Amino acid sequence: MVGNTGLPLGRLTRRTPYPGTVLPDFGLSRPGRRQHVFTSRVLTVLAALLVLFGLLAPDDLSSISAVALVRVPVEGLIVAALVLVLPPRARRVAAVAVGLVLGLLTLLKVLDTGFYATLEKPFDPIYDWSFFHAGVEFLAGQIGNAATVAALVVAGVLAVAVVVLMVLAMLRLSRVAAGRRTGATRVVAVLAVVWIVCSLFDVEIAPGQPVAAQSAAALAYGDLRQVGADLRDQRPFGEVAAEDAFRTTPGDQLLNGLRGKNVVLTFVESYGRIALDDPGFAPKIGATLDAGTAELRAAGIGARSAFLSSSTFGGGSWLAHSTVQSGMWIDNQQRYNNLLAGDRLTLGGAFQRAGWKTVWDVPAHTMDWPEGQKFYHPDAYYDAHHVGYQGPGFAYATMPDQFTMSMLQRTELAKAGPRPVMAEVDLVSSHAPWSPRPWLVDWNQVGDGSVFTPMPGAGEAPESVWKDPAKIRDAYRDATDYSLKTLISFVQHYGDDNLVLVFLGDHQPPVVAPQGAVHDVPITIVAKDPKVLDRISGWGWQDGLHPGAQAPVWKMDSFRDRFLTAFAR
């Protein structure tokens, strides 16, 4: 068929229209083309920025700067060169694989940032998953279960979106590079020369920011090394646990220097050295400890104090507790799991072997803990549901420290007969978010805890406090001060010749303790019987409740053996 132009109709194109006719533009008019080109370029630039972020961002995103993103990543050059030489199908597969890896590395950097901010360590892909359960419990205590589920769903969607967007970005960049192969090859060649020269001469765009970057490779290599170290760490654990000088010591040769004493080992949550050293905390908390020292001394009660270097920082209280109890360095979840699966002699086990009734009082536990009870095998175990508490919760804290100590006194210490009590007590009022918090009442009014009912409403809500860094610091200071005043008041009220109180922090606090801070926590032994403190006179610990700058610092895992040795006979 032939049209009136003399050309076959089947060969008509936009370049050969019928005379006097205008074919539809289908969005390809000049303004449309300009808009399409502009949008395409914007998307390409955004894709390049996302990939550069994945390659160049540090593992602690809180320290990121614009300078870090204008360096030359060697991984990017290698991937670009690969894209330019691969055929289309292989190129797409490579782009997807690289996008997946970069997306996962970006998520890992986000996790590292959170762990650095709270725990002073990067995320360990083998052992640190247990912290997520603790984090979810903490979040649920602040915003409720429904809001926590919603937050987890949003976080999951964002995590998937990061990976998907990284894959799409790599696919786009690979298409652009392949479509402009000559220009892309020249750019890659020039940048490769720049990278080599800057690497040879250690050129930095800013202090600590080399132009020739290897950020992604270094992060991946570091994580692989950590995984390898974690896996190797599992093998010798059982052998180390079996190397125990007290493993077979008979009960009649243990703790004779404490015969007839009720011994209370008390962990004060987040009571770190920063509470005594930081100018924002030290005046108030130091004054509380100094006044407590004077008041106890007037009542004939003495104290000695020092520091322990904790096995954890900012969280993971159970790691510190098990380190003190076992005399082993428990600094990750796998070591903790291995410990609980074994039969290592603990401080509590030594007291039990020597004839004490052992008690575990853990008010933060809201669920069953069969593995812990099997390992520590206490004679009595109290969690949040088995102490008869009828008062309100205080954010994360299930009950005030004063109720915890009062319940222990009424239920166990006051009833101790010929068989004295050894108790581990894990206080919780100084656990983040530190607001709202209780205040001390008369010990005779504590009862079932109903007296604390109006207190949470009188305090500031966590979501208000945590909007302001200054308020967070004040809340930590005041919550820690409350816990310490509770213990001092407890000893004043119930202390007698047969009470020995050992109280210590478990780790430095999250958020308020700066990165790079020491892991030290204060530890104090309080006793009215002077013979108890005479036993530790050779330790060099300082007099009173307030350890100073020159107080000894021991590793936390050394305490068990030193304590058992000092009180053996």
Protein backbone atom coordinates (compact mmCIF):
# COMPACT_ATOMS: atom_id res chain seq x y z
CA MET A 1 0.00 0.00 0.00
CA VAL A 2 1.33 3.42 -0.98
CA GLY A 3 0.37 6.74 0.61
CA ASN A 4 -0.05 10.06 -1.16
CA THR A 5 3.63 10.81 -0.60
CA GLY A 6 4.62 7.89 -2.76
CA LEU A 7 6.13 6.00 0.22
CA PRO A 8 4.88 2.76 1.72
CA LEU A 9 2.79 3.42 4.81
CA GLY A 10 4.79 0.88 6.75
CA ARG A 11 7.90 3.04 6.43
CA LEU A 12 6.37 6.26 7.77
CA THR A 13 8.29 7.70 10.75
CA ARG A 14 8.36 10.95 12.66
CA ARG A 15 10.88 12.12 10.10
CA THR A 16 8.46 11.40 7.22
CA PRO A 17 5.05 12.67 8.35
CA TYR A 18 2.09 13.21 6.18
CA PRO A 19 2.15 16.75 4.82
CA GLY A 20 0.36 19.09 7.14
CA THR A 21 0.06 16.53 9.99
CA VAL A 22 1.65 16.62 13.47
CA LEU A 23 2.39 13.28 15.12
CA PRO A 24 2.07 12.97 18.91
CA ASP A 25 5.27 13.73 20.82
CA PHE A 26 4.89 10.89 23.39
CA GLY A 27 6.77 12.99 26.03
CA LEU A 28 9.83 13.49 23.85
CA SER A 29 9.38 17.13 22.98
CA ARG A 30 12.34 19.36 23.67
CA PRO A 31 11.09 20.58 27.11
CA GLY A 32 10.19 16.98 27.93
CA ARG A 33 13.59 15.76 26.87
CA ARG A 34 15.29 18.41 28.98
CA GLN A 35 13.23 17.39 32.00
CA HIS A 36 14.00 13.72 31.36
CA VAL A 37 17.73 14.41 31.02
CA PHE A 38 17.73 16.55 34.16
CA THR A 39 15.90 13.89 36.19
CA SER A 40 18.22 11.20 34.88
CA ARG A 41 21.30 13.18 35.88
CA VAL A 42 19.91 13.91 39.32
CA LEU A 43 19.23 10.21 39.88
CA THR A 44 22.72 9.34 38.70
CA VAL A 45 24.30 11.87 41.06
CA LEU A 46 22.21 10.55 43.97
CA ALA A 47 23.20 6.99 43.11
CA ALA A 48 26.88 7.98 43.04
CA LEU A 49 26.58 9.74 46.41
CA LEU A 50 24.88 6.72 47.98
CA VAL A 51 27.57 4.35 46.72
CA LEU A 52 30.33 6.72 47.85
CA PHE A 53 28.70 6.86 51.27
CA GLY A 54 28.70 3.07 51.45
CA LEU A 55 32.36 2.96 50.42
CA LEU A 56 33.77 5.89 52.39
CA ALA A 57 31.66 6.42 55.51
CA PRO A 58 33.50 5.43 58.73
CA ASP A 59 32.19 2.67 60.96
CA ASP A 60 31.23 5.31 63.51
CA LEU A 61 28.84 7.53 61.57
CA SER A 62 28.79 10.08 64.38
CA SER A 63 32.30 11.11 63.29
CA ILE A 64 31.48 11.44 59.59
CA SER A 65 32.39 14.64 57.74
CA ALA A 66 32.04 15.96 54.20
CA VAL A 67 35.80 15.57 53.81
CA ALA A 68 35.52 11.81 54.26
CA LEU A 69 33.25 11.56 51.20
CA VAL A 70 35.57 13.32 48.71
CA ARG A 71 38.36 10.75 48.88
CA VAL A 72 39.14 8.12 46.25
CA PRO A 73 37.96 4.63 47.27
CA VAL A 74 40.08 1.82 45.88
CA GLU A 75 37.11 -0.54 46.01
CA GLY A 76 35.15 1.84 43.77
CA LEU A 77 37.94 1.87 41.19
CA ILE A 78 38.12 -1.93 41.17
CA VAL A 79 34.35 -2.29 40.76
CA ALA A 80 34.26 0.39 38.03
CA ALA A 81 37.04 -1.34 36.09
CA LEU A 82 35.21 -4.64 36.43
CA VAL A 83 31.95 -3.13 35.15
CA LEU A 84 33.69 -1.70 32.08
CA VAL A 85 35.08 -5.06 30.93
CA LEU A 86 32.17 -7.38 31.73
CA PRO A 87 29.47 -8.29 29.19
CA PRO A 88 25.96 -6.94 29.93
CA ARG A 89 24.57 -10.00 31.76
CA ALA A 90 27.65 -10.47 33.96
CA ARG A 91 27.77 -6.72 34.56
CA ARG A 92 24.24 -6.74 35.98
CA VAL A 93 25.02 -9.72 38.22
CA ALA A 94 28.16 -7.99 39.49
CA ALA A 95 26.26 -4.75 40.12
CA VAL A 96 23.62 -6.58 42.17
CA ALA A 97 26.25 -8.46 44.19
CA VAL A 98 28.26 -5.32 44.92
CA GLY A 99 25.07 -3.43 45.84
CA LEU A 100 24.07 -6.15 48.29
CA VAL A 101 27.51 -6.12 49.93
CA LEU A 102 27.60 -2.33 50.16
CA GLY A 103 24.07 -2.25 51.57
CA LEU A 104 24.97 -4.75 54.27
CA LEU A 105 28.20 -2.88 55.07
CA THR A 106 26.20 0.33 55.43
CA LEU A 107 23.83 -1.35 57.88
CA LEU A 108 26.83 -2.67 59.77
CA LYS A 109 28.17 0.88 60.04
CA VAL A 110 24.84 2.00 61.50
CA LEU A 111 25.05 -0.79 64.08
CA ASP A 112 28.67 0.10 64.85
CA THR A 113 27.63 3.69 65.45
CA GLY A 114 25.02 2.65 68.00
CA PHE A 115 27.41 0.27 69.74
CA TYR A 116 30.18 2.86 69.88
CA ALA A 117 27.76 5.39 71.39
CA THR A 118 26.57 3.04 74.13
CA LEU A 119 29.11 0.24 74.58
CA GLU A 120 32.39 1.83 73.38
CA LYS A 121 32.90 -0.98 70.88
CA PRO A 122 31.89 -1.92 67.34
CA PHE A 123 29.11 -4.41 66.74
CA ASP A 124 30.35 -8.00 66.89
CA PRO A 125 28.45 -10.00 64.24
CA ILE A 126 28.98 -13.24 66.18
CA TYR A 127 28.28 -12.40 69.81
CA ASP A 128 26.40 -9.12 70.12
CA TRP A 129 22.93 -10.19 69.02
CA SER A 130 21.93 -10.65 72.66
CA PHE A 131 22.09 -6.88 73.12
CA PHE A 132 19.14 -6.47 70.75
CA HIS A 133 16.88 -8.40 73.12
CA ALA A 134 18.00 -6.17 75.99
CA GLY A 135 17.48 -3.11 73.79
CA VAL A 136 13.96 -4.17 72.83
CA GLU A 137 13.09 -4.73 76.49
CA PHE A 138 14.47 -1.30 77.34
CA LEU A 139 12.52 0.36 74.51
CA ALA A 140 9.31 -1.41 75.49
CA GLY A 141 9.72 -0.08 79.01
CA GLN A 142 9.86 3.46 77.67
CA ILE A 143 7.26 3.58 74.88
CA GLY A 144 5.14 0.45 75.37
CA ASN A 145 4.89 -2.82 73.47
CA ALA A 146 2.76 -1.54 70.58
CA ALA A 147 5.03 1.40 69.85
CA THR A 148 8.08 -0.86 70.15
CA VAL A 149 6.66 -3.27 67.57
CA ALA A 150 5.94 -0.33 65.26
CA ALA A 151 9.48 0.99 65.72
CA LEU A 152 10.94 -2.43 64.92
CA VAL A 153 8.81 -2.70 61.78
CA VAL A 154 9.95 0.75 60.64
CA ALA A 155 13.58 -0.15 61.36
CA GLY A 156 13.21 -3.37 59.36
CA VAL A 157 11.66 -1.54 56.41
CA LEU A 158 14.44 1.06 56.46
CA ALA A 159 17.10 -1.67 56.59
CA VAL A 160 15.60 -3.41 53.55
CA ALA A 161 15.28 -0.05 51.78
CA VAL A 162 18.98 0.69 52.30
CA VAL A 163 19.99 -2.59 50.68
CA VAL A 164 17.49 -2.26 47.81
CA LEU A 165 18.49 1.34 47.08
CA MET A 166 22.16 0.40 47.10
CA VAL A 167 21.50 -2.36 44.55
CA LEU A 168 19.48 0.01 42.34
CA ALA A 169 22.22 2.64 42.61
CA MET A 170 24.85 0.14 41.47
CA LEU A 171 22.70 -1.00 38.56
CA ARG A 172 22.21 2.58 37.42
CA LEU A 173 25.87 3.51 37.69
CA SER A 174 26.92 0.37 35.84
CA ARG A 175 24.53 1.22 32.96
CA VAL A 176 25.80 4.79 32.79
CA ALA A 177 29.43 3.65 32.78
CA ALA A 178 28.79 1.03 30.09
CA GLY A 179 26.90 3.57 27.96
CA ARG A 180 29.80 6.01 28.12
CA ARG A 181 32.60 3.48 28.13
CA THR A 182 35.32 5.73 26.71
CA GLY A 183 34.75 8.60 29.09
CA ALA A 184 34.28 6.28 32.06
CA THR A 185 37.52 4.46 31.24
CA ARG A 186 39.43 7.74 31.18
CA VAL A 187 37.98 8.82 34.52
CA VAL A 188 38.82 5.48 36.15
CA ALA A 189 42.37 5.59 34.76
CA VAL A 190 42.98 9.13 36.04
CA LEU A 191 41.56 8.33 39.49
CA ALA A 192 43.64 5.15 39.65
CA VAL A 193 46.80 7.19 39.07
CA VAL A 194 45.68 9.69 41.73
CA TRP A 195 45.01 6.85 44.18
CA ILE A 196 48.42 5.23 43.58
CA VAL A 197 50.36 8.50 43.91
CA CYS A 198 48.46 9.59 47.03
CA SER A 199 48.91 6.13 48.55
CA LEU A 200 52.65 6.12 47.91
CA PHE A 201 53.14 9.56 49.45
CA ASP A 202 50.51 9.24 52.23
CA VAL A 203 48.62 12.30 51.03
CA GLU A 204 45.81 13.32 53.40
CA ILE A 205 42.92 15.59 52.59
CA ALA A 206 42.58 16.18 56.35
CA PRO A 207 44.25 14.71 59.45
CA GLY A 208 43.45 11.00 59.53
CA GLN A 209 41.68 11.19 56.15
CA PRO A 210 43.94 9.75 53.39
CA VAL A 211 43.00 10.61 49.82
CA ALA A 212 43.67 6.98 48.87
CA ALA A 213 40.85 5.41 50.87
CA GLN A 214 40.32 1.75 51.75
CA SER A 215 37.38 2.27 54.11
CA ALA A 216 35.05 -0.53 53.00
CA ALA A 217 37.83 -3.09 52.65
CA ALA A 218 39.24 -2.18 56.06
CA LEU A 219 35.83 -2.52 57.69
CA ALA A 220 35.13 -5.85 56.04
CA TYR A 221 38.61 -7.13 56.88
CA GLY A 222 38.26 -5.98 60.48
CA ASP A 223 34.92 -7.75 60.82
CA LEU A 224 36.30 -10.95 59.33
CA ARG A 225 39.24 -10.83 61.71
CA GLN A 226 36.84 -10.29 64.63
CA VAL A 227 34.73 -13.24 63.54
CA GLY A 228 37.86 -15.39 63.29
CA ALA A 229 39.04 -14.28 66.71
CA ASP A 230 35.60 -14.99 68.16
CA LEU A 231 35.57 -18.49 66.73
CA ARG A 232 39.08 -19.20 67.97
CA ASP A 233 38.13 -17.86 71.41
CA GLN A 234 35.66 -20.70 71.93
CA ARG A 235 38.23 -23.50 71.95
CA PRO A 236 40.36 -22.73 75.01
CA PHE A 237 37.51 -21.52 77.23
CA GLY A 238 36.86 -24.87 78.90
CA GLU A 239 40.53 -25.33 79.60
CA VAL A 240 40.79 -21.88 81.18
CA ALA A 241 37.67 -22.47 83.27
CA ALA A 242 39.17 -25.70 84.62
CA GLU A 243 42.31 -23.88 85.80
CA ASP A 244 40.89 -22.91 89.17
CA ALA A 245 42.87 -22.93 92.41
CA PHE A 246 39.62 -23.16 94.42
CA ARG A 247 37.83 -25.74 92.30
CA THR A 248 38.22 -28.60 94.78
CA THR A 249 38.77 -26.64 98.00
CA PRO A 250 36.66 -28.17 100.81
CA GLY A 251 33.98 -25.99 102.35
CA ASP A 252 35.64 -25.93 105.76
CA GLN A 253 38.65 -24.21 104.15
CA LEU A 254 36.64 -21.48 102.45
CA LEU A 255 35.63 -18.07 103.81
CA ASN A 256 36.41 -18.79 107.46
CA GLY A 257 37.13 -15.09 107.99
CA LEU A 258 33.44 -14.37 107.34
CA ARG A 259 31.87 -17.13 109.42
CA GLY A 260 28.51 -16.00 110.83
CA LYS A 261 28.34 -12.89 108.59
CA ASN A 262 25.56 -12.02 106.19
CA VAL A 263 27.39 -10.97 103.02
CA VAL A 264 25.55 -8.88 100.45
CA LEU A 265 27.23 -8.45 97.06
CA THR A 266 25.43 -5.53 95.45
CA PHE A 267 25.82 -4.25 91.89
CA VAL A 268 24.89 -0.60 91.39
CA GLU A 269 23.79 -0.27 87.78
CA SER A 270 25.94 2.08 85.64
CA TYR A 271 27.96 3.26 88.66
CA GLY A 272 31.14 4.02 86.74
CA ARG A 273 34.27 5.98 87.56
CA ILE A 274 32.86 8.92 85.61
CA ALA A 275 30.45 9.46 88.52
CA LEU A 276 33.43 10.35 90.71
CA ASP A 277 35.65 12.10 88.13
CA ASP A 278 33.36 14.14 85.90
CA PRO A 279 32.92 17.74 87.12
CA GLY A 280 29.22 17.53 86.38
CA PHE A 281 28.71 14.51 88.64
CA ALA A 282 31.53 14.44 91.18
CA PRO A 283 30.49 17.31 93.48
CA LYS A 284 27.10 15.80 94.32
CA ILE A 285 28.03 12.12 94.34
CA GLY A 286 31.36 12.75 96.05
CA ALA A 287 29.60 14.72 98.75
CA THR A 288 27.13 11.87 99.27
CA LEU A 289 29.96 9.36 99.67
CA ASP A 290 31.98 11.61 101.97
CA ALA A 291 28.98 12.35 104.17
CA GLY A 292 28.13 8.65 104.22
CA THR A 293 31.67 7.78 105.27
CA ALA A 294 31.44 10.19 108.21
CA GLU A 295 28.00 8.99 109.27
CA LEU A 296 28.98 5.33 109.14
CA ARG A 297 32.24 5.98 110.96
CA ALA A 298 30.27 7.69 113.73
CA ALA A 299 28.22 4.49 114.03
CA GLY A 300 31.39 2.39 114.25
CA ILE A 301 31.15 1.12 110.67
CA GLY A 302 34.20 1.18 108.40
CA ALA A 303 34.72 0.95 104.66
CA ARG A 304 37.52 0.46 102.11
CA SER A 305 37.28 1.41 98.42
CA ALA A 306 39.12 1.00 95.12
CA PHE A 307 38.35 0.43 91.43
CA LEU A 308 37.83 -2.57 89.19
CA SER A 309 38.31 -2.45 85.42
CA SER A 310 35.06 -3.84 84.04
CA SER A 311 34.79 -6.42 81.27
CA THR A 312 32.06 -4.36 79.60
CA PHE A 313 31.17 -0.72 78.95
CA GLY A 314 27.84 1.06 78.75
CA GLY A 315 25.75 -2.12 78.93
CA GLY A 316 25.88 -5.89 79.20
CA SER A 317 25.63 -5.88 82.97
CA TRP A 318 25.40 -9.68 83.03
CA LEU A 319 28.93 -9.87 81.61
CA ALA A 320 30.32 -7.87 84.53
CA HIS A 321 28.30 -9.78 87.12
CA SER A 322 29.53 -13.13 85.82
CA THR A 323 33.13 -11.85 85.65
CA VAL A 324 33.05 -10.95 89.34
CA GLN A 325 31.35 -14.19 90.29
CA SER A 326 33.51 -16.55 88.21
CA GLY A 327 36.91 -14.88 88.29
CA MET A 328 37.01 -15.21 84.49
CA TRP A 329 37.08 -12.41 81.92
CA ILE A 330 33.56 -12.57 80.44
CA ASP A 331 33.43 -9.85 77.80
CA ASN A 332 31.14 -11.31 75.15
CA GLN A 333 28.00 -13.38 74.89
CA GLN A 334 29.68 -16.58 73.76
CA ARG A 335 31.97 -16.60 76.78
CA TYR A 336 28.94 -15.96 78.96
CA ASN A 337 27.03 -18.83 77.34
CA ASN A 338 30.03 -21.12 77.74
CA LEU A 339 30.35 -20.14 81.40
CA LEU A 340 26.71 -20.90 82.14
CA ALA A 341 27.03 -24.26 80.38
CA GLY A 342 29.95 -25.28 82.64
CA ASP A 343 30.55 -25.83 86.34
CA ARG A 344 33.00 -23.07 87.25
CA LEU A 345 33.07 -22.29 90.98
CA THR A 346 31.55 -18.84 91.60
CA LEU A 347 31.68 -16.64 94.67
CA GLY A 348 28.13 -17.70 95.42
CA GLY A 349 29.10 -21.34 94.94
CA ALA A 350 32.04 -20.94 97.33
CA PHE A 351 29.76 -19.46 100.01
CA GLN A 352 27.24 -22.23 99.44
CA ARG A 353 29.93 -24.89 99.75
CA ALA A 354 31.09 -23.26 102.98
CA GLY A 355 27.60 -23.41 104.51
CA TRP A 356 25.90 -20.11 103.59
CA LYS A 357 22.37 -19.86 102.23
CA THR A 358 22.75 -18.23 98.82
CA VAL A 359 20.18 -15.75 97.49
CA TRP A 360 19.85 -14.07 94.08
CA ASP A 361 17.76 -10.89 93.97
CA VAL A 362 17.39 -9.62 90.39
CA PRO A 363 14.47 -7.16 90.13
CA ALA A 364 15.22 -6.40 86.47
CA HIS A 365 14.34 -9.98 85.48
CA THR A 366 10.79 -10.11 84.18
CA MET A 367 11.11 -13.52 82.51
CA ASP A 368 12.31 -16.93 83.64
CA TRP A 369 16.08 -17.48 83.76
CA PRO A 370 16.52 -21.27 83.93
CA GLU A 371 20.08 -21.32 82.57
CA GLY A 372 21.26 -18.82 85.19
CA GLN A 373 19.51 -20.60 88.04
CA LYS A 374 21.00 -23.91 86.92
CA PHE A 375 24.52 -22.46 86.85
CA TYR A 376 24.43 -20.38 90.04
CA HIS A 377 21.96 -22.79 91.75
CA PRO A 378 21.01 -20.35 94.55
CA ASP A 379 18.97 -21.53 97.48
CA ALA A 380 16.50 -18.68 96.89
CA TYR A 381 15.81 -16.70 93.73
CA TYR A 382 13.79 -13.47 93.52
CA ASP A 383 12.86 -11.69 90.30
CA ALA A 384 10.38 -8.91 89.54
CA HIS A 385 7.40 -11.24 89.97
CA HIS A 386 8.34 -12.94 93.25
CA VAL A 387 8.99 -10.15 95.74
CA GLY A 388 5.45 -9.01 96.49
CA TYR A 389 5.96 -5.53 95.05
CA GLN A 390 2.69 -3.58 94.73
CA GLY A 391 4.10 -0.21 93.76
CA PRO A 392 4.66 1.48 90.39
CA GLY A 393 7.43 0.96 87.87
CA PHE A 394 9.94 3.70 87.15
CA ALA A 395 10.56 3.53 83.38
CA TYR A 396 12.99 0.60 82.95
CA ALA A 397 13.28 0.05 86.71
CA THR A 398 10.65 -2.40 87.91
CA MET A 399 10.91 -1.17 91.50
CA PRO A 400 12.97 1.26 93.60
CA ASP A 401 16.27 0.11 95.07
CA GLN A 402 14.97 0.85 98.55
CA PHE A 403 12.20 -1.72 98.14
CA THR A 404 14.72 -4.28 96.87
CA MET A 405 16.95 -3.84 99.90
CA SER A 406 13.99 -3.73 102.30
CA MET A 407 12.56 -6.95 100.89
CA LEU A 408 15.94 -8.66 101.25
CA GLN A 409 16.20 -7.52 104.85
CA ARG A 410 12.69 -8.66 105.79
CA THR A 411 12.68 -11.91 103.85
CA GLU A 412 16.23 -13.17 104.29
CA LEU A 413 18.68 -11.20 106.43
CA ALA A 414 16.39 -10.69 109.42
CA LYS A 415 15.54 -14.39 109.41
CA ALA A 416 19.08 -15.70 109.06
CA GLY A 417 19.82 -18.14 111.85
CA PRO A 418 22.80 -20.41 112.30
CA ARG A 419 23.11 -20.50 108.52
CA PRO A 420 24.05 -16.97 107.37
CA VAL A 421 23.02 -15.49 104.03
CA MET A 422 25.14 -14.61 101.03
CA ALA A 423 23.12 -12.59 98.51
CA GLU A 424 23.82 -11.10 95.11
CA VAL A 425 21.59 -8.07 94.60
CA ASP A 426 21.39 -6.33 91.23
CA LEU A 427 20.01 -2.85 91.81
CA VAL A 428 18.18 -1.20 88.93
CA SER A 429 17.15 2.38 89.84
CA SER A 430 20.32 3.80 88.28
CA HIS A 431 19.64 2.05 84.96
CA ALA A 432 19.00 4.32 81.97
CA PRO A 433 16.82 6.30 81.28
CA TRP A 434 17.29 7.48 84.91
CA SER A 435 13.95 9.27 85.03
CA PRO A 436 11.52 9.29 86.66
CA ARG A 437 13.16 8.15 89.87
CA PRO A 438 12.05 7.57 93.46
CA TRP A 439 13.21 9.20 96.65
CA LEU A 440 13.99 7.71 100.04
CA VAL A 441 11.24 7.10 102.56
CA ASP A 442 11.35 5.84 106.13
CA TRP A 443 12.36 2.18 106.03
CA ASN A 444 9.45 1.27 108.26
CA GLN A 445 7.05 2.66 105.62
CA VAL A 446 8.38 0.71 102.63
CA GLY A 447 6.03 -2.25 103.11
CA ASP A 448 4.78 -3.68 99.80
CA GLY A 449 5.94 -0.63 97.84
CA SER A 450 2.59 1.14 97.64
CA VAL A 451 4.21 4.14 99.31
CA PHE A 452 6.07 4.81 96.03
CA THR A 453 2.86 5.13 93.97
CA PRO A 454 2.84 8.94 93.54
CA MET A 455 6.54 9.22 92.74
CA PRO A 456 6.68 8.46 88.98
CA GLY A 457 4.07 11.15 88.26
CA ALA A 458 6.14 13.70 90.13
CA GLY A 459 9.17 13.08 87.94
CA GLU A 460 9.94 13.99 84.35
CA ALA A 461 9.09 11.51 81.62
CA PRO A 462 12.03 9.82 79.85
CA GLU A 463 11.00 11.12 76.42
CA SER A 464 11.26 14.66 77.77
CA VAL A 465 14.59 14.12 79.51
CA TRP A 466 16.22 12.42 76.52
CA LYS A 467 15.61 15.39 74.23
CA ASP A 468 18.21 17.39 76.16
CA PRO A 469 21.80 16.13 76.75
CA ALA A 470 22.12 18.30 79.84
CA LYS A 471 18.99 16.75 81.34
CA ILE A 472 20.30 13.26 80.57
CA ARG A 473 23.48 13.98 82.51
CA ASP A 474 21.56 15.43 85.44
CA ALA A 475 19.22 12.43 85.47
CA TYR A 476 22.15 10.00 85.54
CA ARG A 477 23.81 11.89 88.38
CA ASP A 478 20.64 12.04 90.47
CA ALA A 479 19.66 8.40 89.86
CA THR A 480 23.14 7.18 90.84
CA ASP A 481 23.08 9.43 93.87
CA TYR A 482 19.75 7.90 94.90
CA SER A 483 21.12 4.35 94.65
CA LEU A 484 24.18 5.20 96.74
CA LYS A 485 22.10 7.00 99.37
CA THR A 486 19.85 3.94 99.53
CA LEU A 487 22.80 1.68 100.36
CA ILE A 488 24.27 4.10 102.89
CA SER A 489 20.89 4.47 104.59
CA PHE A 490 20.41 0.69 104.56
CA VAL A 491 23.69 0.13 106.40
CA GLN A 492 22.86 2.89 108.88
CA HIS A 493 19.48 1.37 109.59
CA TYR A 494 20.28 -2.35 109.52
CA GLY A 495 24.03 -2.61 109.86
CA ASP A 496 25.28 -4.75 112.72
CA ASP A 497 28.36 -6.79 113.53
CA ASN A 498 27.14 -9.55 111.22
CA LEU A 499 26.55 -7.49 108.05
CA VAL A 500 29.19 -7.19 105.33
CA LEU A 501 28.19 -5.16 102.28
CA VAL A 502 30.22 -5.27 99.08
CA PHE A 503 28.90 -2.80 96.52
CA LEU A 504 30.31 -1.92 93.12
CA GLY A 505 29.40 -0.65 89.69
CA ASP A 506 28.99 -3.01 86.78
CA HIS A 507 30.10 -0.70 83.97
CA GLN A 508 30.41 2.91 82.91
CA PRO A 509 27.07 4.47 81.94
CA PRO A 510 25.88 4.59 78.34
CA VAL A 511 25.61 7.92 76.49
CA VAL A 512 27.05 10.14 79.23
CA ALA A 513 30.45 8.38 79.39
CA PRO A 514 32.57 9.64 76.48
CA GLN A 515 34.18 7.36 73.94
CA GLY A 516 37.65 6.38 75.04
CA ALA A 517 36.83 6.54 78.75
CA VAL A 518 38.37 3.93 81.03
CA HIS A 519 36.26 0.92 82.01
CA ASP A 520 36.81 1.46 85.75
CA VAL A 521 34.01 1.11 88.29
CA PRO A 522 34.19 1.85 92.02
CA ILE A 523 34.05 -0.97 94.55
CA THR A 524 33.60 -0.70 98.31
CA ILE A 525 33.52 -3.15 101.23
CA VAL A 526 31.59 -2.03 104.30
CA ALA A 527 31.66 -3.80 107.68
CA LYS A 528 31.13 -2.98 111.34
CA ASP A 529 33.37 -5.78 112.57
CA PRO A 530 36.93 -4.37 112.24
CA LYS A 531 38.34 -7.87 111.77
CA VAL A 532 36.68 -8.02 108.35
CA LEU A 533 38.50 -4.92 107.07
CA ASP A 534 41.72 -6.06 108.73
CA ARG A 535 41.66 -9.02 106.37
CA ILE A 536 42.04 -6.71 103.38
CA SER A 537 44.48 -4.25 104.92
CA GLY A 538 47.18 -5.46 102.54
CA TRP A 539 45.15 -4.60 99.46
CA GLY A 540 46.03 -0.93 99.60
CA TRP A 541 42.40 0.14 99.25
CA GLN A 542 41.53 3.63 100.45
CA ASP A 543 39.59 4.35 103.62
CA GLY A 544 35.92 5.28 103.23
CA LEU A 545 33.26 5.01 100.57
CA HIS A 546 34.91 7.40 98.13
CA PRO A 547 37.92 6.03 96.19
CA GLY A 548 40.22 8.81 95.03
CA ALA A 549 42.34 9.22 91.94
CA GLN A 550 45.21 7.19 93.45
CA ALA A 551 43.08 4.22 94.54
CA PRO A 552 44.21 0.84 93.16
CA VAL A 553 42.65 -0.44 89.95
CA TRP A 554 42.29 -4.22 89.58
CA LYS A 555 40.95 -6.18 86.66
CA MET A 556 37.44 -7.27 87.49
CA ASP A 557 38.21 -10.97 87.03
CA SER A 558 40.88 -10.84 89.74
CA PHE A 559 38.45 -9.99 92.53
CA ARG A 560 37.08 -13.49 93.16
CA ASP A 561 40.46 -15.09 93.88
CA ARG A 562 41.72 -12.18 95.99
CA PHE A 563 38.52 -12.17 98.03
CA LEU A 564 38.55 -15.94 98.59
CA THR A 565 42.23 -15.82 99.51
CA ALA A 566 41.82 -12.96 101.99
CA PHE A 567 38.98 -14.66 103.85
CA ALA A 568 40.07 -18.29 103.53
CA ARG A 569 41.21 -18.77 107.10
